[in-house]
N, C-alpha and C. Protein backbone atom coordinates (compact mmCIF):
# COMPACT_ATOMS: atom_id res chain seq x y z
N LEU A 1 0.82 -1.21 0.00
CA LEU A 1 0.00 0.00 0.00
C LEU A 1 0.86 1.27 0.00
N LEU A 2 1.91 1.27 0.81
CA LEU A 2 2.78 2.43 0.87
C LEU A 2 3.48 2.66 -0.46
N ASN A 3 3.93 1.58 -1.09
CA ASN A 3 4.58 1.71 -2.39
C ASN A 3 3.62 2.22 -3.45
N ALA A 4 2.33 1.98 -3.26
CA ALA A 4 1.32 2.43 -4.22
C ALA A 4 0.82 3.84 -3.92
N GLY A 5 1.36 4.44 -2.85
CA GLY A 5 1.00 5.83 -2.58
C GLY A 5 0.17 6.08 -1.34
N ALA A 6 -0.06 5.04 -0.52
CA ALA A 6 -0.82 5.24 0.71
C ALA A 6 -0.09 6.24 1.62
N LEU A 7 -0.85 7.10 2.28
CA LEU A 7 -0.27 8.15 3.13
C LEU A 7 -0.27 7.69 4.59
N PRO A 8 0.90 7.57 5.21
CA PRO A 8 0.99 7.03 6.57
C PRO A 8 0.53 7.98 7.67
N ASN A 9 0.24 9.23 7.32
CA ASN A 9 -0.13 10.20 8.35
C ASN A 9 -1.60 10.59 8.33
N GLN A 10 -2.42 9.87 7.55
CA GLN A 10 -3.81 10.28 7.37
C GLN A 10 -4.80 9.53 8.26
N ASP A 11 -4.40 8.39 8.83
CA ASP A 11 -5.32 7.61 9.65
C ASP A 11 -5.64 8.34 10.95
N PRO A 12 -6.87 8.21 11.46
CA PRO A 12 -7.23 8.83 12.75
C PRO A 12 -6.31 8.38 13.89
N ILE A 13 -5.96 7.08 13.88
CA ILE A 13 -5.00 6.54 14.84
C ILE A 13 -3.64 6.50 14.15
N ASN A 14 -2.66 7.19 14.71
CA ASN A 14 -1.36 7.32 14.07
C ASN A 14 -0.70 5.96 13.86
N CYS A 15 -0.34 5.66 12.62
CA CYS A 15 0.25 4.37 12.27
C CYS A 15 1.60 4.17 12.95
N LEU A 16 2.41 5.23 13.00
CA LEU A 16 3.72 5.12 13.64
C LEU A 16 3.57 4.85 15.13
N GLN A 17 2.57 5.44 15.74
CA GLN A 17 2.33 5.21 17.17
C GLN A 17 2.02 3.74 17.43
N ILE A 18 1.25 3.13 16.55
CA ILE A 18 0.92 1.71 16.69
C ILE A 18 2.18 0.86 16.58
N ALA A 19 3.03 1.17 15.60
CA ALA A 19 4.28 0.42 15.42
C ALA A 19 5.19 0.57 16.64
N LEU A 20 5.23 1.78 17.20
CA LEU A 20 6.04 2.02 18.40
C LEU A 20 5.53 1.22 19.58
N ARG A 21 4.23 1.21 19.78
CA ARG A 21 3.65 0.48 20.91
C ARG A 21 3.87 -1.02 20.76
N MET A 22 3.90 -1.50 19.52
CA MET A 22 4.17 -2.92 19.26
C MET A 22 5.65 -3.25 19.40
N GLY A 23 6.49 -2.23 19.32
CA GLY A 23 7.93 -2.47 19.33
C GLY A 23 8.40 -3.14 18.05
N ASN A 24 7.71 -2.87 16.95
CA ASN A 24 7.99 -3.52 15.67
C ASN A 24 8.95 -2.66 14.85
N TYR A 25 10.25 -3.01 14.90
CA TYR A 25 11.27 -2.22 14.21
C TYR A 25 11.03 -2.18 12.70
N GLU A 26 10.68 -3.32 12.14
CA GLU A 26 10.51 -3.40 10.68
C GLU A 26 9.38 -2.49 10.21
N LEU A 27 8.27 -2.51 10.92
CA LEU A 27 7.14 -1.66 10.55
C LEU A 27 7.48 -0.18 10.76
N MET A 28 8.18 0.12 11.84
CA MET A 28 8.62 1.50 12.06
C MET A 28 9.50 1.99 10.92
N ASN A 29 10.47 1.18 10.55
CA ASN A 29 11.38 1.55 9.47
C ASN A 29 10.63 1.77 8.17
N LEU A 30 9.68 0.89 7.87
CA LEU A 30 8.88 1.00 6.65
C LEU A 30 8.08 2.30 6.63
N LEU A 31 7.43 2.61 7.73
CA LEU A 31 6.63 3.83 7.82
C LEU A 31 7.49 5.09 7.73
N LEU A 32 8.63 5.07 8.42
CA LEU A 32 9.51 6.24 8.40
C LEU A 32 10.09 6.48 7.01
N ARG A 33 10.43 5.42 6.30
CA ARG A 33 10.96 5.57 4.95
C ARG A 33 9.91 6.12 3.99
N HIS A 34 8.64 5.95 4.33
CA HIS A 34 7.57 6.45 3.47
C HIS A 34 6.94 7.73 4.02
N GLY A 35 7.68 8.41 4.89
CA GLY A 35 7.25 9.75 5.29
C GLY A 35 6.43 9.87 6.55
N ALA A 36 6.36 8.82 7.38
CA ALA A 36 5.62 8.95 8.63
C ALA A 36 6.21 10.09 9.47
N ASN A 37 5.35 10.86 10.06
CA ASN A 37 5.76 12.05 10.80
C ASN A 37 6.24 11.69 12.21
N VAL A 38 7.54 11.83 12.46
CA VAL A 38 8.07 11.50 13.79
C VAL A 38 7.68 12.55 14.82
N ASN A 39 7.21 13.71 14.35
CA ASN A 39 6.88 14.81 15.26
C ASN A 39 5.37 14.97 15.46
N TYR A 40 4.65 13.86 15.40
CA TYR A 40 3.21 13.93 15.63
C TYR A 40 2.92 14.17 17.12
N PHE A 41 1.75 14.72 17.39
CA PHE A 41 1.31 14.95 18.76
C PHE A 41 0.02 14.17 19.01
N CYS A 42 0.00 13.40 20.08
CA CYS A 42 -1.19 12.63 20.46
C CYS A 42 -2.16 13.54 21.19
N ARG A 43 -3.42 13.50 20.81
CA ARG A 43 -4.41 14.39 21.40
C ARG A 43 -4.79 13.98 22.83
N VAL A 44 -4.57 12.73 23.16
CA VAL A 44 -4.95 12.24 24.49
C VAL A 44 -3.95 12.68 25.54
N ASN A 45 -2.67 12.36 25.32
CA ASN A 45 -1.62 12.76 26.25
C ASN A 45 -0.88 13.96 25.67
N THR A 46 -1.23 15.14 26.13
CA THR A 46 -0.62 16.35 25.57
C THR A 46 0.72 16.62 26.24
N THR A 47 1.77 16.49 25.47
CA THR A 47 3.12 16.80 25.96
C THR A 47 3.70 17.93 25.13
N HIS A 48 4.67 18.62 25.71
CA HIS A 48 5.33 19.72 25.00
C HIS A 48 6.23 19.19 23.90
N PHE A 49 6.65 17.94 24.03
CA PHE A 49 7.52 17.31 23.04
C PHE A 49 6.70 16.32 22.23
N PRO A 50 7.07 16.08 20.95
CA PRO A 50 6.31 15.15 20.11
C PRO A 50 6.13 13.79 20.78
N SER A 51 4.95 13.21 20.63
CA SER A 51 4.50 12.07 21.43
C SER A 51 5.29 10.78 21.24
N ALA A 52 5.90 10.58 20.08
CA ALA A 52 6.56 9.30 19.78
C ALA A 52 7.61 8.93 20.80
N LEU A 53 8.26 9.91 21.39
CA LEU A 53 9.36 9.64 22.32
C LEU A 53 8.92 8.80 23.51
N GLN A 54 7.68 8.93 23.94
CA GLN A 54 7.19 8.21 25.12
C GLN A 54 7.36 6.70 24.99
N TYR A 55 7.30 6.20 23.76
CA TYR A 55 7.37 4.76 23.54
C TYR A 55 8.79 4.27 23.29
N ALA A 56 9.75 5.17 23.24
CA ALA A 56 11.12 4.79 22.88
C ALA A 56 12.13 5.04 24.00
N LEU A 57 11.66 5.43 25.16
CA LEU A 57 12.58 5.78 26.24
C LEU A 57 13.44 4.61 26.71
N LYS A 58 12.91 3.40 26.60
CA LYS A 58 13.63 2.22 27.10
C LYS A 58 14.31 1.43 25.99
N ASP A 59 14.26 1.93 24.77
CA ASP A 59 14.77 1.16 23.64
C ASP A 59 15.61 2.06 22.74
N GLU A 60 16.93 1.87 22.76
CA GLU A 60 17.82 2.73 21.99
C GLU A 60 17.62 2.57 20.49
N VAL A 61 17.27 1.37 20.03
CA VAL A 61 17.05 1.16 18.60
C VAL A 61 15.91 2.05 18.12
N MET A 62 14.79 2.02 18.83
CA MET A 62 13.64 2.85 18.45
C MET A 62 13.96 4.33 18.61
N LEU A 63 14.65 4.68 19.70
CA LEU A 63 14.99 6.08 19.94
C LEU A 63 15.88 6.63 18.84
N ARG A 64 16.89 5.87 18.45
CA ARG A 64 17.79 6.32 17.38
C ARG A 64 17.05 6.43 16.05
N MET A 65 16.11 5.53 15.80
CA MET A 65 15.35 5.60 14.54
C MET A 65 14.58 6.91 14.47
N LEU A 66 13.92 7.27 15.56
CA LEU A 66 13.16 8.53 15.59
C LEU A 66 14.08 9.73 15.40
N LEU A 67 15.19 9.74 16.11
CA LEU A 67 16.12 10.87 16.04
C LEU A 67 16.77 10.97 14.67
N ASN A 68 17.14 9.84 14.09
CA ASN A 68 17.76 9.86 12.76
C ASN A 68 16.81 10.42 11.70
N TYR A 69 15.51 10.22 11.90
CA TYR A 69 14.52 10.69 10.92
C TYR A 69 13.97 12.07 11.26
N GLY A 70 14.66 12.80 12.13
CA GLY A 70 14.32 14.20 12.31
C GLY A 70 13.43 14.55 13.49
N TYR A 71 13.42 13.70 14.52
CA TYR A 71 12.63 14.04 15.71
C TYR A 71 13.10 15.37 16.29
N ASP A 72 12.16 16.20 16.72
CA ASP A 72 12.47 17.55 17.21
C ASP A 72 13.00 17.49 18.65
N VAL A 73 14.30 17.24 18.78
CA VAL A 73 14.91 17.07 20.10
C VAL A 73 14.89 18.36 20.91
N HIS A 74 14.97 19.48 20.24
CA HIS A 74 15.05 20.76 20.95
C HIS A 74 13.85 21.00 21.85
N ARG A 75 12.69 20.47 21.48
CA ARG A 75 11.51 20.66 22.32
C ARG A 75 11.64 19.93 23.65
N CYS A 76 12.49 18.92 23.69
CA CYS A 76 12.71 18.19 24.95
C CYS A 76 13.50 19.01 25.95
N PHE A 77 14.30 19.94 25.46
CA PHE A 77 15.10 20.78 26.36
C PHE A 77 14.49 22.17 26.54
N ASP A 78 13.30 22.36 26.01
CA ASP A 78 12.62 23.65 26.07
C ASP A 78 11.77 23.72 27.34
N CYS A 79 12.36 24.23 28.41
CA CYS A 79 11.65 24.32 29.69
C CYS A 79 11.60 25.77 30.13
N PRO A 80 10.41 26.34 30.35
CA PRO A 80 10.30 27.75 30.73
C PRO A 80 10.85 28.05 32.12
N GLN A 81 11.01 27.02 32.96
CA GLN A 81 11.49 27.24 34.32
C GLN A 81 12.99 27.51 34.36
N GLY A 82 13.74 26.95 33.40
CA GLY A 82 15.17 27.17 33.35
C GLY A 82 15.87 26.76 34.63
N SER A 83 16.64 27.66 35.21
CA SER A 83 17.39 27.36 36.43
C SER A 83 16.57 27.57 37.69
N SER A 84 15.29 27.92 37.53
CA SER A 84 14.42 28.15 38.69
C SER A 84 13.83 26.83 39.18
N SER A 85 13.39 26.83 40.42
CA SER A 85 12.76 25.65 40.98
C SER A 85 11.43 25.39 40.29
N HIS A 86 11.12 24.11 40.05
CA HIS A 86 9.89 23.73 39.36
C HIS A 86 8.77 23.57 40.38
N SER A 87 8.17 24.65 40.76
CA SER A 87 7.09 24.58 41.73
C SER A 87 5.82 24.11 41.05
N GLN A 88 5.08 23.26 41.73
CA GLN A 88 3.80 22.78 41.21
C GLN A 88 2.71 23.80 41.56
N TYR A 89 1.92 24.16 40.58
CA TYR A 89 0.86 25.12 40.86
C TYR A 89 -0.46 24.60 40.33
N VAL A 90 -1.54 24.94 41.02
CA VAL A 90 -2.87 24.50 40.61
C VAL A 90 -3.83 25.67 40.79
N THR A 91 -4.64 25.91 39.77
CA THR A 91 -5.67 26.94 39.85
C THR A 91 -7.00 26.25 40.15
N ASP A 92 -7.87 26.89 40.89
CA ASP A 92 -9.15 26.29 41.26
C ASP A 92 -9.85 25.69 40.06
N GLY A 93 -10.14 24.39 40.17
CA GLY A 93 -10.88 23.72 39.11
C GLY A 93 -10.03 23.23 37.96
N TRP A 94 -8.72 23.50 38.01
CA TRP A 94 -7.85 23.11 36.91
C TRP A 94 -6.58 22.46 37.46
N THR A 95 -6.17 21.39 36.84
CA THR A 95 -4.89 20.79 37.22
C THR A 95 -3.79 21.40 36.38
N SER A 96 -2.57 21.21 36.81
CA SER A 96 -1.45 21.79 36.07
C SER A 96 -1.33 21.20 34.68
N THR A 97 -1.75 19.93 34.50
CA THR A 97 -1.64 19.30 33.18
C THR A 97 -2.67 19.85 32.20
N VAL A 98 -3.75 20.42 32.72
CA VAL A 98 -4.73 21.06 31.84
C VAL A 98 -4.22 22.43 31.42
N ILE A 99 -3.63 23.16 32.37
CA ILE A 99 -3.17 24.51 32.11
C ILE A 99 -1.99 24.53 31.14
N LYS A 100 -1.08 23.59 31.31
CA LYS A 100 0.14 23.61 30.49
C LYS A 100 0.44 22.21 29.98
N ASP A 101 1.10 22.15 28.85
CA ASP A 101 1.48 20.85 28.33
C ASP A 101 2.68 20.34 29.12
N THR A 102 2.79 19.03 29.23
CA THR A 102 3.80 18.41 30.08
C THR A 102 5.18 18.48 29.43
N MET A 103 6.15 18.97 30.18
CA MET A 103 7.52 19.11 29.69
C MET A 103 8.26 17.78 29.80
N PHE A 104 9.29 17.63 28.96
CA PHE A 104 10.11 16.42 28.99
C PHE A 104 10.76 16.22 30.35
N CYS A 105 11.23 17.30 30.96
CA CYS A 105 11.90 17.19 32.26
C CYS A 105 10.96 16.65 33.33
N GLU A 106 9.66 16.92 33.20
CA GLU A 106 8.69 16.43 34.17
C GLU A 106 8.42 14.94 34.00
N VAL A 107 8.60 14.45 32.79
CA VAL A 107 8.38 13.03 32.51
C VAL A 107 9.59 12.20 32.88
N ILE A 108 10.76 12.58 32.39
CA ILE A 108 11.96 11.75 32.55
C ILE A 108 12.47 11.76 33.99
N THR A 109 12.00 12.70 34.82
CA THR A 109 12.43 12.73 36.22
C THR A 109 11.45 12.04 37.16
N LEU A 110 10.42 11.40 36.60
CA LEU A 110 9.51 10.61 37.42
C LEU A 110 10.28 9.47 38.08
N SER A 111 9.85 9.06 39.25
CA SER A 111 10.61 8.08 40.03
C SER A 111 10.86 6.78 39.28
N TRP A 112 9.91 6.36 38.43
CA TRP A 112 10.06 5.09 37.71
C TRP A 112 10.74 5.25 36.34
N LEU A 113 11.13 6.49 36.00
CA LEU A 113 11.81 6.71 34.72
C LEU A 113 13.17 7.38 34.86
N LYS A 114 13.45 7.98 36.01
CA LYS A 114 14.66 8.79 36.12
C LYS A 114 15.95 7.98 35.95
N HIS A 115 15.89 6.66 36.18
CA HIS A 115 17.09 5.84 35.96
C HIS A 115 17.45 5.78 34.48
N LEU A 116 16.50 6.14 33.60
CA LEU A 116 16.76 6.16 32.16
C LEU A 116 17.29 7.51 31.69
N SER A 117 17.21 8.51 32.53
CA SER A 117 17.48 9.89 32.09
C SER A 117 18.88 10.07 31.52
N GLY A 118 19.89 9.49 32.16
CA GLY A 118 21.26 9.67 31.69
C GLY A 118 21.46 9.14 30.29
N LYS A 119 20.99 7.92 30.05
CA LYS A 119 21.15 7.29 28.74
C LYS A 119 20.37 8.04 27.67
N VAL A 120 19.13 8.40 27.96
CA VAL A 120 18.28 9.08 26.98
C VAL A 120 18.84 10.46 26.62
N VAL A 121 19.21 11.23 27.62
CA VAL A 121 19.74 12.58 27.36
C VAL A 121 21.07 12.51 26.63
N ARG A 122 21.91 11.54 27.01
CA ARG A 122 23.20 11.41 26.32
C ARG A 122 22.99 11.12 24.84
N ILE A 123 22.05 10.28 24.51
CA ILE A 123 21.75 9.97 23.10
C ILE A 123 21.22 11.21 22.40
N MET A 124 20.33 11.94 23.05
CA MET A 124 19.75 13.14 22.44
C MET A 124 20.80 14.19 22.11
N LEU A 125 21.84 14.27 22.91
CA LEU A 125 22.87 15.28 22.68
C LEU A 125 23.63 15.06 21.38
N ASP A 126 23.53 13.86 20.81
CA ASP A 126 24.15 13.60 19.51
C ASP A 126 23.41 14.30 18.38
N TYR A 127 22.23 14.86 18.67
CA TYR A 127 21.38 15.42 17.61
C TYR A 127 21.09 16.91 17.79
N VAL A 128 21.82 17.56 18.67
CA VAL A 128 21.62 19.00 18.89
C VAL A 128 22.96 19.71 18.94
N ASP A 129 22.90 21.04 18.84
CA ASP A 129 24.11 21.83 19.04
C ASP A 129 24.23 22.13 20.54
N HIS A 130 24.28 23.39 20.90
CA HIS A 130 24.36 23.70 22.33
C HIS A 130 22.95 23.83 22.90
N VAL A 131 22.70 23.17 24.01
CA VAL A 131 21.41 23.28 24.69
C VAL A 131 21.65 23.54 26.18
N ASN A 132 20.67 24.15 26.80
CA ASN A 132 20.69 24.34 28.25
C ASN A 132 19.68 23.39 28.87
N ILE A 133 20.05 22.79 29.98
CA ILE A 133 19.11 21.92 30.68
C ILE A 133 18.61 22.63 31.93
N CYS A 134 17.37 22.37 32.27
CA CYS A 134 16.76 23.07 33.39
C CYS A 134 17.25 22.49 34.72
N TRP A 135 16.92 23.20 35.78
CA TRP A 135 17.36 22.82 37.12
C TRP A 135 16.88 21.42 37.50
N LYS A 136 15.64 21.11 37.20
CA LYS A 136 15.06 19.83 37.60
C LYS A 136 15.74 18.67 36.90
N LEU A 137 15.96 18.80 35.60
CA LEU A 137 16.61 17.74 34.84
C LEU A 137 18.06 17.58 35.27
N GLU A 138 18.73 18.69 35.49
CA GLU A 138 20.14 18.63 35.89
C GLU A 138 20.31 17.91 37.23
N ALA A 139 19.40 18.17 38.16
CA ALA A 139 19.48 17.55 39.48
C ALA A 139 19.41 16.03 39.39
N VAL A 140 18.56 15.52 38.51
CA VAL A 140 18.43 14.07 38.34
C VAL A 140 19.62 13.51 37.56
N LEU A 141 20.07 14.23 36.55
CA LEU A 141 21.20 13.76 35.74
C LEU A 141 22.47 13.64 36.56
N LYS A 142 22.64 14.50 37.55
CA LYS A 142 23.84 14.46 38.38
C LYS A 142 23.95 13.17 39.18
N GLU A 143 22.84 12.46 39.31
CA GLU A 143 22.84 11.19 40.03
C GLU A 143 23.15 10.01 39.11
N GLN A 144 23.27 10.27 37.81
CA GLN A 144 23.42 9.20 36.83
C GLN A 144 24.89 8.96 36.49
N GLU A 145 25.19 7.73 36.09
CA GLU A 145 26.55 7.33 35.75
C GLU A 145 27.12 8.13 34.59
N LEU A 146 26.26 8.53 33.66
CA LEU A 146 26.72 9.24 32.46
C LEU A 146 26.84 10.75 32.66
N TRP A 147 26.63 11.25 33.86
CA TRP A 147 26.67 12.69 34.08
C TRP A 147 28.01 13.33 33.67
N PRO A 148 29.17 12.75 34.00
CA PRO A 148 30.43 13.38 33.57
C PRO A 148 30.51 13.59 32.06
N ASP A 149 30.04 12.60 31.30
CA ASP A 149 30.04 12.70 29.84
C ASP A 149 29.06 13.78 29.38
N ILE A 150 27.87 13.79 29.97
CA ILE A 150 26.86 14.78 29.61
C ILE A 150 27.34 16.18 29.96
N SER A 151 27.91 16.34 31.13
CA SER A 151 28.40 17.64 31.58
C SER A 151 29.49 18.17 30.66
N ALA A 152 30.38 17.28 30.23
CA ALA A 152 31.47 17.69 29.33
C ALA A 152 30.91 18.21 28.01
N ILE A 153 29.87 17.57 27.50
CA ILE A 153 29.26 18.01 26.24
C ILE A 153 28.55 19.36 26.42
N LEU A 154 27.86 19.50 27.53
CA LEU A 154 27.09 20.73 27.76
C LEU A 154 27.97 21.95 28.01
N THR A 155 29.15 21.73 28.53
CA THR A 155 30.00 22.86 28.93
C THR A 155 31.14 23.14 27.96
N ASN A 156 31.19 22.42 26.85
CA ASN A 156 32.24 22.63 25.85
C ASN A 156 31.63 22.88 24.48
N PRO A 157 32.33 23.61 23.61
CA PRO A 157 31.82 23.82 22.24
C PRO A 157 31.72 22.50 21.49
N ARG A 158 30.71 22.37 20.66
CA ARG A 158 30.57 21.18 19.82
C ARG A 158 31.53 21.28 18.66
N SER A 159 31.90 20.14 18.11
CA SER A 159 32.86 20.12 17.01
C SER A 159 32.26 20.76 15.76
N LEU A 160 33.11 21.35 14.93
CA LEU A 160 32.65 21.96 13.69
C LEU A 160 32.02 20.91 12.78
N LYS A 161 32.58 19.72 12.78
CA LYS A 161 32.04 18.62 11.97
C LYS A 161 30.59 18.33 12.37
N HIS A 162 30.33 18.27 13.66
CA HIS A 162 28.99 18.00 14.16
C HIS A 162 28.03 19.13 13.81
N LEU A 163 28.48 20.37 13.99
CA LEU A 163 27.64 21.53 13.69
C LEU A 163 27.29 21.61 12.21
N CYS A 164 28.24 21.25 11.36
CA CYS A 164 27.99 21.26 9.91
C CYS A 164 26.93 20.22 9.55
N ARG A 165 27.02 19.05 10.18
CA ARG A 165 26.00 18.02 9.91
C ARG A 165 24.61 18.53 10.29
N LEU A 166 24.49 19.14 11.44
CA LEU A 166 23.20 19.65 11.87
C LEU A 166 22.66 20.71 10.91
N LYS A 167 23.55 21.59 10.44
CA LYS A 167 23.13 22.66 9.54
C LYS A 167 22.69 22.10 8.19
N ILE A 168 23.43 21.13 7.68
CA ILE A 168 23.06 20.50 6.40
C ILE A 168 21.70 19.83 6.53
N ARG A 169 21.48 19.11 7.62
CA ARG A 169 20.20 18.44 7.84
C ARG A 169 19.06 19.46 7.94
N GLU A 170 19.32 20.57 8.59
CA GLU A 170 18.30 21.62 8.71
C GLU A 170 17.96 22.20 7.35
N CYS A 171 18.97 22.44 6.52
CA CYS A 171 18.73 23.01 5.19
C CYS A 171 18.00 22.03 4.27
N MET A 172 18.29 20.74 4.42
CA MET A 172 17.66 19.74 3.57
C MET A 172 16.21 19.50 3.95
N GLY A 173 15.91 19.53 5.23
CA GLY A 173 14.56 19.25 5.67
C GLY A 173 14.34 17.77 5.85
N ARG A 174 13.37 17.41 6.70
CA ARG A 174 13.14 16.02 7.06
C ARG A 174 12.73 15.15 5.87
N LEU A 175 11.87 15.66 4.99
CA LEU A 175 11.37 14.84 3.89
C LEU A 175 12.47 14.50 2.89
N ARG A 176 13.37 15.44 2.62
CA ARG A 176 14.47 15.16 1.71
C ARG A 176 15.47 14.19 2.31
N LEU A 177 15.67 14.28 3.61
CA LEU A 177 16.62 13.39 4.27
C LEU A 177 16.22 11.93 4.14
N ARG A 178 14.92 11.66 4.21
CA ARG A 178 14.49 10.26 4.16
C ARG A 178 14.28 9.76 2.73
N CYS A 179 14.51 10.61 1.73
CA CYS A 179 14.27 10.24 0.34
C CYS A 179 15.55 9.69 -0.30
N PRO A 180 15.65 8.39 -0.54
CA PRO A 180 16.86 7.80 -1.13
C PRO A 180 17.20 8.40 -2.49
N VAL A 181 16.19 8.70 -3.30
CA VAL A 181 16.43 9.24 -4.63
C VAL A 181 17.11 10.60 -4.53
N PHE A 182 16.63 11.44 -3.63
CA PHE A 182 17.22 12.77 -3.47
C PHE A 182 18.67 12.65 -3.02
N MET A 183 18.94 11.75 -2.10
CA MET A 183 20.29 11.61 -1.56
C MET A 183 21.27 11.16 -2.64
N THR A 184 20.82 10.34 -3.58
CA THR A 184 21.72 9.85 -4.63
C THR A 184 22.18 10.98 -5.55
N PHE A 185 21.39 12.04 -5.65
CA PHE A 185 21.76 13.15 -6.54
C PHE A 185 22.64 14.19 -5.86
N LEU A 186 22.85 14.07 -4.58
CA LEU A 186 23.73 15.02 -3.90
C LEU A 186 25.17 14.80 -4.34
N PRO A 187 25.88 15.85 -4.76
CA PRO A 187 27.26 15.70 -5.24
C PRO A 187 28.24 15.58 -4.07
N LEU A 188 28.05 14.53 -3.27
CA LEU A 188 28.88 14.33 -2.08
C LEU A 188 29.38 12.89 -2.04
N PRO A 189 30.53 12.65 -1.45
CA PRO A 189 31.01 11.26 -1.27
C PRO A 189 30.03 10.47 -0.41
N ASN A 190 29.96 9.18 -0.65
CA ASN A 190 29.03 8.34 0.10
C ASN A 190 29.28 8.39 1.60
N SER A 191 30.56 8.49 1.98
CA SER A 191 30.88 8.55 3.41
C SER A 191 30.29 9.79 4.06
N LEU A 192 30.26 10.90 3.33
CA LEU A 192 29.68 12.13 3.86
C LEU A 192 28.16 12.04 3.92
N LYS A 193 27.57 11.40 2.91
CA LYS A 193 26.11 11.19 2.94
C LYS A 193 25.73 10.34 4.15
N ASP A 194 26.52 9.30 4.41
CA ASP A 194 26.25 8.45 5.56
C ASP A 194 26.35 9.23 6.86
N TYR A 195 27.31 10.13 6.92
CA TYR A 195 27.48 10.95 8.13
C TYR A 195 26.29 11.87 8.33
N ILE A 196 25.82 12.48 7.25
CA ILE A 196 24.65 13.36 7.33
C ILE A 196 23.42 12.60 7.82
N LEU A 197 23.31 11.34 7.42
CA LEU A 197 22.16 10.52 7.78
C LEU A 197 22.33 9.79 9.11
N TYR A 198 23.41 10.07 9.82
CA TYR A 198 23.68 9.42 11.10
C TYR A 198 23.76 7.90 10.97
N LYS A 199 24.36 7.43 9.91
CA LYS A 199 24.45 5.99 9.69
C LYS A 199 25.22 5.27 10.79
N GLU A 200 26.17 5.99 11.43
CA GLU A 200 26.92 5.34 12.50
C GLU A 200 26.04 5.03 13.71
N TYR A 201 24.87 5.67 13.77
CA TYR A 201 23.92 5.42 14.86
C TYR A 201 22.67 4.70 14.37
N ASP A 202 22.72 4.14 13.18
CA ASP A 202 21.57 3.40 12.64
C ASP A 202 21.63 1.96 13.14
N LEU A 203 21.19 1.75 14.37
CA LEU A 203 21.28 0.42 14.98
C LEU A 203 20.40 -0.59 14.25
N TYR A 204 19.27 -0.13 13.72
CA TYR A 204 18.40 -1.04 12.97
C TYR A 204 19.09 -1.50 11.70
N GLY A 205 19.69 -0.57 10.96
CA GLY A 205 20.39 -0.92 9.73
C GLY A 205 21.59 -1.81 9.98
N GLN A 206 22.21 -1.68 11.15
CA GLN A 206 23.36 -2.51 11.52
C GLN A 206 22.92 -3.84 12.13
N GLU A 207 21.60 -4.01 12.26
CA GLU A 207 21.01 -5.20 12.90
C GLU A 207 21.54 -5.39 14.31
N ASN A 208 21.74 -4.27 14.98
CA ASN A 208 22.17 -4.28 16.38
C ASN A 208 20.95 -4.05 17.24
N PHE A 209 20.31 -5.14 17.66
CA PHE A 209 19.04 -5.04 18.36
C PHE A 209 19.19 -5.24 19.87
N THR A 210 20.34 -4.86 20.41
CA THR A 210 20.58 -5.04 21.84
C THR A 210 20.47 -3.71 22.57
N GLY A 211 19.64 -2.82 22.03
CA GLY A 211 19.59 -1.47 22.57
C GLY A 211 18.59 -1.23 23.68
N THR A 212 17.92 -2.29 24.17
CA THR A 212 16.97 -2.10 25.27
C THR A 212 17.73 -1.98 26.57
N TYR A 213 17.35 -1.00 27.41
CA TYR A 213 18.06 -0.81 28.68
C TYR A 213 17.07 -0.50 29.79
């Protein structure tokens, strides 16, 4: 159906979301190659960051697939509280989740998820330039084994090679990045094309399925 022109983003129930919940790498890869939107938002659970991430927090293979296909990582680090304390507030008749969409820092620092925070944030940093992390997220990350590595990345300039890759991907746009035909016409060496596409982190393509943690 996809090869015949079926649109993966038109169903009332998001097709990519179903594949993520099933943990079906092959179906995810098929949908992503045919333009499935990694930055969809679920109407039921309103989060500030695109909804697909919720299903990939414990699986590096799925997480890398989403990030390689253009997941909007910057929204995960977009916290209005910044270095201020994250005080919980409630207005009469309204819960905080109704008033505001849920931030990534509020999700990943939950007691049953915070042990994943170091690994998830470290992976995300491969897909951004310089970002600031809020007080709440930093406090939890400091308890994680990967904090020294994360701290070094956050406090030092990113390499020019990495910044160039991000800029090229931004200029190309998500749809062109996933189009094999478009990539073949780029006047670049194959090794550079692979670098732009994050092939070194394509665990599915490498058949490295040991990414659950």
